[in-house]
Protein backbone atom coordinates (compact mmCIF):
# COMPACT_ATOMS: atom_id res chain seq x y z
CA MET A 1 -6.39 -114.59 43.53
CA PHE A 2 -3.09 -114.35 45.36
CA VAL A 3 -1.67 -117.44 43.64
CA LEU A 4 -2.90 -116.30 40.23
CA GLY A 5 -1.35 -112.92 40.90
CA CYS A 6 1.99 -114.57 41.66
CA VAL A 7 1.80 -116.55 38.40
CA VAL A 8 1.00 -113.42 36.39
CA LEU A 9 3.85 -111.58 38.11
CA ALA A 10 6.26 -114.37 37.15
CA VAL A 11 5.15 -114.24 33.51
CA ALA A 12 5.31 -110.43 33.44
CA SER A 13 8.82 -110.60 34.90
CA GLY A 14 9.83 -112.90 32.06
CA VAL A 15 8.39 -110.42 29.58
CA LEU A 16 10.34 -107.61 31.21
CA ALA A 17 13.55 -109.62 30.98
CA LEU A 18 12.91 -110.25 27.28
CA CYS A 19 12.24 -106.54 26.66
CA VAL A 20 15.49 -105.62 28.41
CA TRP A 21 17.37 -108.18 26.30
CA ASN A 22 15.82 -106.85 23.11
CA ALA A 23 16.54 -103.26 24.12
CA CYS A 24 20.18 -103.90 24.98
CA ALA A 25 21.31 -106.61 22.54
CA TRP A 26 19.43 -106.06 19.27
CA PRO A 27 21.76 -104.27 16.83
CA ALA A 28 21.23 -101.63 14.18
CA PRO A 29 22.74 -101.69 10.68
CA ARG A 30 26.34 -100.47 10.80
CA THR A 31 27.91 -97.76 8.67
CA PRO A 32 30.36 -99.29 6.16
CA ALA A 33 34.01 -98.32 6.41
CA THR A 34 34.53 -98.58 2.63
CA PRO A 35 32.38 -97.49 -0.34
CA GLN A 36 29.79 -99.99 -1.53
CA GLU A 37 29.24 -101.19 -5.09
CA ALA A 38 27.65 -98.51 -7.27
CA GLY A 39 24.44 -99.37 -9.07
CA ALA A 40 23.84 -102.54 -7.08
CA VAL A 41 20.36 -101.75 -5.78
CA SER A 42 16.92 -101.41 -7.34
CA VAL A 43 14.43 -99.64 -5.08
CA LEU A 44 10.87 -100.87 -5.60
CA ILE A 45 7.89 -98.91 -4.31
CA PRO A 46 4.30 -100.20 -4.52
CA ALA A 47 1.92 -97.23 -4.42
CA ARG A 48 -1.86 -97.10 -4.31
CA ASN A 49 -3.31 -93.64 -3.68
CA GLU A 50 -0.13 -92.33 -2.10
CA ALA A 51 -0.13 -88.78 -3.49
CA SER A 52 0.43 -87.33 -0.02
CA SER A 53 3.65 -89.27 0.57
CA ILE A 54 5.16 -90.61 -2.66
CA GLN A 55 7.24 -87.55 -3.50
CA GLU A 56 9.05 -87.43 -0.17
CA CYS A 57 9.63 -91.17 -0.35
CA VAL A 58 11.19 -91.06 -3.81
CA GLU A 59 13.27 -88.01 -2.96
CA SER A 60 14.71 -89.80 0.06
CA VAL A 61 15.75 -92.62 -2.28
CA MET A 62 17.26 -90.22 -4.81
CA ALA A 63 19.46 -88.84 -2.04
CA GLN A 64 21.08 -92.27 -1.47
CA GLY A 65 23.49 -91.64 -4.33
CA SER A 66 25.10 -93.95 -6.86
CA LEU A 67 24.30 -97.18 -5.00
CA VAL A 68 20.75 -96.92 -6.34
CA ASP A 69 20.59 -97.92 -10.00
CA GLU A 70 16.86 -97.43 -10.45
CA ILE A 71 13.73 -96.39 -8.58
CA LEU A 72 10.64 -98.22 -9.78
CA VAL A 73 7.17 -97.19 -8.67
CA TYR A 74 4.15 -99.38 -9.37
CA ASP A 75 1.06 -97.18 -9.62
CA ASP A 76 -1.56 -99.62 -8.38
CA HIS A 77 -4.69 -98.13 -9.99
CA SER A 78 -4.39 -94.88 -8.01
CA THR A 79 -7.15 -92.31 -8.34
CA ASP A 80 -5.47 -89.43 -6.49
CA GLY A 81 -2.74 -88.36 -8.90
CA THR A 82 0.04 -90.60 -7.56
CA GLY A 83 1.06 -91.56 -11.08
CA ASP A 84 1.23 -87.94 -12.24
CA LEU A 85 3.57 -87.05 -9.39
CA VAL A 86 5.90 -89.94 -10.23
CA SER A 87 5.82 -89.03 -13.91
CA ALA A 88 6.96 -85.53 -13.03
CA MET A 89 9.84 -86.93 -10.98
CA GLN A 90 11.00 -88.98 -13.96
CA THR A 91 12.03 -85.73 -15.65
CA ARG A 92 14.19 -84.82 -12.64
CA ASP A 93 16.01 -88.13 -12.25
CA ALA A 94 16.44 -90.70 -15.01
CA ARG A 95 16.53 -93.50 -12.43
CA VAL A 96 12.83 -93.04 -11.66
CA ARG A 97 10.47 -95.21 -13.68
CA LEU A 98 6.70 -95.53 -13.35
CA LEU A 99 5.16 -98.96 -13.96
CA LYS A 100 1.61 -99.08 -15.19
CA PRO A 101 -0.72 -101.46 -13.35
CA MET A 102 -2.17 -104.76 -14.43
CA ASN A 103 -5.50 -106.18 -13.28
CA LEU A 104 -5.17 -107.89 -9.92
CA PRO A 105 -5.34 -111.68 -10.46
CA ASP A 106 -7.59 -113.86 -8.33
CA GLY A 107 -5.91 -115.12 -5.19
CA TRP A 108 -3.50 -112.19 -4.84
CA CYS A 109 -3.40 -109.34 -2.36
CA GLY A 110 -2.77 -105.99 -4.00
CA LYS A 111 0.58 -105.11 -2.41
CA ASN A 112 2.00 -108.58 -2.99
CA PHE A 113 1.12 -108.48 -6.68
CA ALA A 114 2.58 -104.97 -7.00
CA CYS A 115 5.84 -106.16 -5.41
CA ALA A 116 5.98 -109.18 -7.72
CA ARG A 117 5.54 -106.93 -10.79
CA LEU A 118 8.22 -104.55 -9.54
CA ALA A 119 10.68 -107.39 -8.97
CA ALA A 120 10.03 -108.73 -12.47
CA ALA A 121 10.88 -105.34 -13.97
CA ALA A 122 13.97 -104.65 -11.84
CA ARG A 123 17.54 -105.24 -12.97
CA GLY A 124 19.56 -104.82 -9.76
CA GLN A 125 21.27 -107.63 -7.86
CA TRP A 126 19.70 -106.29 -4.66
CA LEU A 127 16.05 -105.32 -4.37
CA LEU A 128 14.82 -102.87 -1.75
CA PHE A 129 11.03 -103.01 -1.32
CA LEU A 130 9.99 -99.76 0.28
CA ASP A 131 6.53 -98.60 1.34
CA ALA A 132 5.46 -95.25 -0.08
CA ASP A 133 5.10 -93.77 3.40
CA ALA A 134 8.69 -94.66 4.31
CA ARG A 135 11.58 -92.19 4.33
CA LEU A 136 15.19 -93.34 4.05
CA ARG A 137 17.76 -91.62 6.24
CA ASP A 138 21.14 -90.54 4.87
CA GLY A 139 23.31 -93.53 4.00
CA ALA A 140 20.54 -96.06 4.65
CA VAL A 141 21.04 -98.11 1.49
CA ALA A 142 24.82 -98.26 2.05
CA ARG A 143 24.24 -99.55 5.58
CA MET A 144 21.79 -102.22 4.40
CA LEU A 145 24.11 -103.40 1.64
CA HIS A 146 27.00 -103.57 4.10
CA GLU A 147 24.99 -105.60 6.60
CA VAL A 148 23.76 -108.26 4.19
CA LYS A 149 27.31 -108.85 3.01
CA ALA A 150 28.89 -108.75 6.46
CA ARG A 151 26.29 -111.11 7.94
CA ASP A 152 26.05 -113.34 4.85
CA VAL A 153 22.27 -113.08 4.58
CA THR A 154 19.98 -112.67 1.59
CA LEU A 155 17.14 -110.86 3.36
CA LEU A 156 17.33 -107.89 5.68
CA SER A 157 14.35 -106.04 7.05
CA CYS A 158 14.95 -102.78 8.88
CA TRP A 159 12.38 -102.29 11.61
CA PRO A 160 11.53 -98.61 11.13
CA GLY A 161 11.23 -95.76 13.53
CA PHE A 162 7.65 -94.53 13.76
CA VAL A 163 6.84 -90.90 13.10
CA MET A 164 3.88 -90.00 15.29
CA SER A 165 1.78 -86.85 15.54
CA GLY A 166 -1.30 -86.39 17.68
CA PHE A 167 -2.67 -88.12 20.76
CA ALA A 168 -4.06 -91.27 19.11
CA GLU A 169 -0.83 -92.09 17.29
CA ARG A 170 1.36 -91.51 20.33
CA LEU A 171 -0.97 -93.57 22.51
CA LEU A 172 -1.50 -96.53 20.18
CA MET A 173 1.40 -96.87 17.73
CA PRO A 174 3.97 -97.81 20.44
CA MET A 175 1.80 -100.86 21.08
CA LEU A 176 3.11 -102.36 17.84
CA ASN A 177 6.63 -102.47 19.27
CA PHE A 178 5.30 -103.79 22.57
CA LEU A 179 3.19 -106.42 20.85
CA VAL A 180 6.24 -107.74 18.94
CA PHE A 181 9.18 -107.28 21.29
CA SER A 182 7.41 -108.50 24.42
CA ILE A 183 7.29 -111.99 22.91
CA PHE A 184 9.93 -112.06 20.12
CA PRO A 185 13.60 -112.69 21.04
CA ALA A 186 15.22 -110.44 18.43
CA PRO A 187 18.87 -111.13 19.39
CA LEU A 188 18.25 -114.90 19.26
CA SER A 189 16.87 -114.57 15.71
CA LEU A 190 20.34 -113.49 14.58
CA GLN A 191 21.90 -116.68 15.93
CA ARG A 192 19.35 -119.35 15.04
CA TRP A 193 17.70 -119.91 11.67
CA ASP A 194 14.41 -121.46 12.77
CA ALA A 195 11.53 -120.36 10.55
CA SER A 196 9.56 -119.33 13.64
CA LEU A 197 12.22 -116.68 14.31
CA GLY A 198 11.65 -114.94 10.98
CA LEU A 199 10.59 -111.32 11.39
CA ALA A 200 10.17 -108.45 8.95
CA HIS A 201 8.45 -105.08 8.65
CA GLY A 202 6.91 -104.55 5.24
CA ALA A 203 7.98 -100.91 5.07
CA CYS A 204 11.59 -101.94 4.35
CA LEU A 205 12.63 -105.28 2.89
CA PHE A 206 16.10 -105.66 1.32
CA VAL A 207 16.65 -108.92 -0.57
CA GLU A 208 19.08 -110.57 -2.98
CA ARG A 209 17.52 -111.18 -6.38
CA GLY A 210 18.62 -114.81 -6.76
CA ALA A 211 17.35 -115.80 -3.33
CA TYR A 212 14.09 -113.95 -3.99
CA ALA A 213 13.59 -116.10 -7.07
CA ARG A 214 14.55 -119.32 -5.27
CA VAL A 215 11.97 -118.88 -2.50
CA GLY A 216 9.27 -117.87 -4.97
CA GLY A 217 9.24 -114.16 -4.17
CA HIS A 218 5.97 -112.52 -3.28
CA GLU A 219 4.12 -115.22 -5.17
CA ALA A 220 4.95 -117.53 -2.26
CA VAL A 221 2.81 -115.29 -0.03
CA ARG A 222 0.45 -113.98 -2.72
CA ASN A 223 -2.73 -114.30 -0.65
CA GLU A 224 -1.23 -113.20 2.69
CA ILE A 225 -2.46 -109.88 4.09
CA PHE A 226 0.26 -110.08 6.77
CA GLU A 227 2.88 -110.67 4.11
CA ASP A 228 6.04 -109.25 5.65
CA THR A 229 6.74 -111.63 8.53
CA ARG A 230 5.25 -114.46 6.51
CA ILE A 231 7.81 -113.97 3.72
CA ALA A 232 10.58 -113.79 6.34
CA ARG A 233 9.50 -117.19 7.63
CA VAL A 234 9.11 -118.71 4.17
CA TRP A 235 12.62 -117.40 3.44
CA ARG A 236 14.02 -119.45 6.30
CA GLN A 237 11.83 -122.46 5.59
CA ARG A 238 13.31 -122.68 2.09
CA GLY A 239 16.91 -122.60 3.21
CA GLU A 240 17.78 -118.90 2.94
CA ARG A 241 19.13 -116.66 5.69
CA GLY A 242 17.10 -113.61 6.61
CA ILE A 243 17.26 -111.20 9.55
CA CYS A 244 15.57 -108.12 10.97
CA LEU A 245 17.58 -105.31 12.55
CA ASP A 246 16.71 -102.15 14.43
CA GLY A 247 16.39 -99.78 11.49
CA GLN A 248 15.04 -96.65 13.16
CA ASP A 249 18.16 -94.72 12.10
CA ALA A 250 17.87 -96.02 8.55
CA VAL A 251 14.18 -95.63 7.77
CA ARG A 252 11.28 -93.72 9.29
CA VAL A 253 7.61 -94.24 8.57
CA ARG A 254 4.35 -92.65 9.54
CA MET A 255 2.14 -95.68 9.19
CA TYR A 256 -1.19 -94.08 10.08
CA GLY A 257 -2.25 -90.50 10.69
CA SER A 258 -5.40 -90.80 12.80
CA PHE A 259 -7.31 -93.14 15.08
CA THR A 260 -9.53 -94.18 12.16
CA GLU A 261 -6.51 -95.06 10.03
CA ILE A 262 -4.89 -96.96 12.88
CA TRP A 263 -8.09 -98.92 13.48
CA ARG A 264 -8.67 -99.80 9.85
CA GLY A 265 -4.99 -100.41 9.15
CA PHE A 266 -4.44 -102.94 11.92
CA ARG A 267 -7.92 -104.43 11.64
CA LYS A 268 -7.05 -105.63 8.16
CA ASN A 269 -4.21 -107.87 9.31
CA PHE A 270 -4.72 -108.58 13.03
CA PHE A 271 -6.78 -111.76 12.80
CA PRO A 272 -5.39 -112.81 9.38
CA ALA A 273 -1.89 -112.72 10.89
CA PHE A 274 -2.79 -115.91 12.79
CA HIS A 275 -3.11 -119.03 10.69
CA HIS A 276 -5.09 -120.79 13.42
CA ALA A 277 -8.00 -119.27 15.31
CA TYR A 278 -7.03 -120.97 18.58
CA VAL A 279 -3.59 -119.27 18.47
CA PHE A 280 -5.33 -115.92 17.98
CA TRP A 281 -7.55 -116.47 21.02
CA LEU A 282 -4.62 -117.67 23.13
CA PHE A 283 -2.77 -114.50 22.16
CA LEU A 284 -5.70 -112.30 23.18
CA ALA A 285 -6.09 -114.24 26.44
CA PHE A 286 -2.39 -113.81 27.19
CA HIS A 287 -2.64 -110.05 26.68
CA ALA A 288 -5.83 -109.80 28.72
CA VAL A 289 -4.51 -111.77 31.69
CA VAL A 290 -0.86 -110.64 31.78
CA PHE A 291 -1.00 -107.11 30.42
CA LEU A 292 -4.46 -105.85 31.42
CA LEU A 293 -5.83 -107.82 34.39
CA PRO A 294 -3.11 -106.61 36.81
CA PHE A 295 -4.34 -103.03 36.41
CA ALA A 296 -7.96 -104.03 37.01
CA ALA A 297 -6.87 -106.06 40.03
CA LEU A 298 -5.38 -102.95 41.63
CA LEU A 299 -8.90 -102.35 42.97
CA LEU A 300 -8.10 -105.15 45.43
CA LEU A 301 -5.82 -102.72 47.22
CA MET A 302 -8.93 -101.25 48.81
CA ILE A 303 -10.05 -104.67 50.03
CA ASP A 304 -7.00 -106.81 50.84
CA PHE A 305 -3.50 -105.38 50.49
CA GLN A 306 -1.77 -108.77 50.75
CA ILE A 307 -3.80 -110.34 47.93
CA ALA A 308 -3.35 -107.23 45.79
CA LEU A 309 0.42 -107.07 46.28
CA PRO A 310 1.50 -109.47 43.47
CA TRP A 311 -1.00 -107.84 41.12
CA ALA A 312 0.42 -104.40 41.87
CA ALA A 313 3.92 -105.74 41.28
CA ALA A 314 2.77 -107.28 37.98
CA ALA A 315 1.27 -103.96 36.85
CA ALA A 316 4.53 -102.18 37.73
CA THR A 317 6.48 -104.81 35.79
CA VAL A 318 4.33 -104.32 32.68
CA LEU A 319 4.82 -100.55 32.91
CA ALA A 320 8.56 -101.09 33.24
CA ALA A 321 8.57 -103.20 30.08
CA ARG A 322 6.65 -100.47 28.23
CA LEU A 323 9.07 -97.79 29.46
CA ILE A 324 12.12 -99.85 28.45
CA LEU A 325 10.82 -100.23 24.89
CA ALA A 326 9.79 -96.58 24.71
CA TRP A 327 13.34 -95.64 25.68
CA ARG A 328 14.85 -98.05 23.14
CA PHE A 329 12.71 -96.76 20.29
CA ARG A 330 13.00 -93.10 21.36
CA GLN A 331 9.29 -92.69 21.84
CA PRO A 332 7.58 -90.50 24.45
CA LEU A 333 7.30 -92.12 27.85
CA TRP A 334 3.85 -90.89 28.86
CA PRO A 335 1.88 -93.36 26.65
CA ALA A 336 3.34 -96.19 28.72
CA LEU A 337 1.57 -94.77 31.76
CA LEU A 338 -1.72 -95.07 29.87
CA HIS A 339 -1.03 -98.68 28.99
CA PRO A 340 -4.43 -100.06 30.18
CA ILE A 341 -6.26 -97.79 27.73
CA ALA A 342 -4.00 -98.85 24.86
CA GLU A 343 -4.37 -102.51 25.86
CA VAL A 344 -8.18 -102.28 25.79
CA ALA A 345 -7.91 -100.73 22.32
CA LEU A 346 -5.61 -103.57 21.20
CA LEU A 347 -7.97 -106.27 22.44
CA SER A 348 -10.98 -104.52 20.90
CA LEU A 349 -9.15 -104.25 17.60
CA GLY A 350 -8.38 -107.95 17.62
CA VAL A 351 -12.01 -108.87 18.27
CA ALA A 352 -13.18 -106.48 15.56
CA SER A 353 -10.77 -108.03 13.05
CA TRP A 354 -11.97 -111.53 13.97
CA TRP A 355 -15.62 -110.50 13.78
CA ARG A 356 -15.33 -109.11 10.27
CA CYS A 357 -13.71 -112.33 9.08
CA ALA A 358 -16.09 -114.58 11.04
CA THR A 359 -19.16 -112.83 9.63
CA GLY A 360 -17.90 -113.07 6.05
CA ARG A 361 -17.37 -109.36 5.52
CA GLY A 362 -13.60 -109.76 5.49
CA VAL A 363 -11.29 -106.81 5.92
CA ASP A 364 -10.99 -103.83 3.64
CA TRP A 365 -7.99 -101.70 2.72
CA LYS A 366 -7.66 -99.01 0.07
CA GLY A 367 -10.85 -99.99 -1.66
CA ARG A 368 -10.22 -103.74 -1.77
CA GLN A 369 -11.89 -106.51 0.21
CA TYR A 370 -9.94 -109.48 1.54
CA ARG A 371 -11.05 -112.67 3.26
CA ALA A 372 -14.71 -111.94 2.47
CA THR A 373 -16.89 -115.02 1.95
CA HIS A 374 -19.82 -113.51 0.12
């Protein structure tokens, strides 16, 4: 147990070092010193039953000014009045246009098809795919346009800041940042163009039209539930340059509003995010051994202090990594202290996602079933 504890401590120390690097060296989109080209951007919003959020989303886009040439919303067979709200906004701003839905073709996920239809209808040189629950901050589009030109890239994803309300959100949503930035070297992804270093958050994806066509657009990932990072990797595989920056000052999003929504939302793409089952199980094992076992092993303190010492140090190291990321993303610090509870929830969620796929039920989201085998 002592030797294993030392190994886990070494791995946890490496994770902490990576989190510190990400926290200190990963940049945000910069504010341009000169005005950007007017009318250069089409903002594209897929929306399925988003009546509670679509108006604020569109209004945040309207406020971006003359850079935005058009705001297209694809009403994906909504039953809650989403389309009516967008229609009303068309009378307030001529840039807003509502696209009527088409039947979802076989082999497509709903959001991917909606994005493909939006891109086909857009006329801007730059396309900003924005989730309906996202809110742009002042000057966000100008900052994105400046960054893609300054960095000579054709894809930019802004990793959003998470708006959280309530105990479950504050406890569990920070785990998304921990899950990603405890293993992903964000600063390195800006220097190397390996496909494996592609990263994106689907709430905010800013792309150049020509490059989007060259890589095949959302059709290239038409059956991917975890489409955002997948398209970022396809982008690099096909010779284009794409990056992800810290976009919490550019875009904010409240992804899920309750424990039930968090569970169902991440269950839909947890297991499908892994193309190989063995990688999924290795990932869960890594989390269980490195990020959870040290806290369980603290019970050894009552039996043998010397054996428990590396485990206690490993637990402290994991907490330090959580606190560093909470500081970087301006999230409350107290959820980090409840990390073992959040880690158990994460592992349970992964198993639940696998079980639904393994038993043929697939995963469901907004009334659609994916990866079901019967």
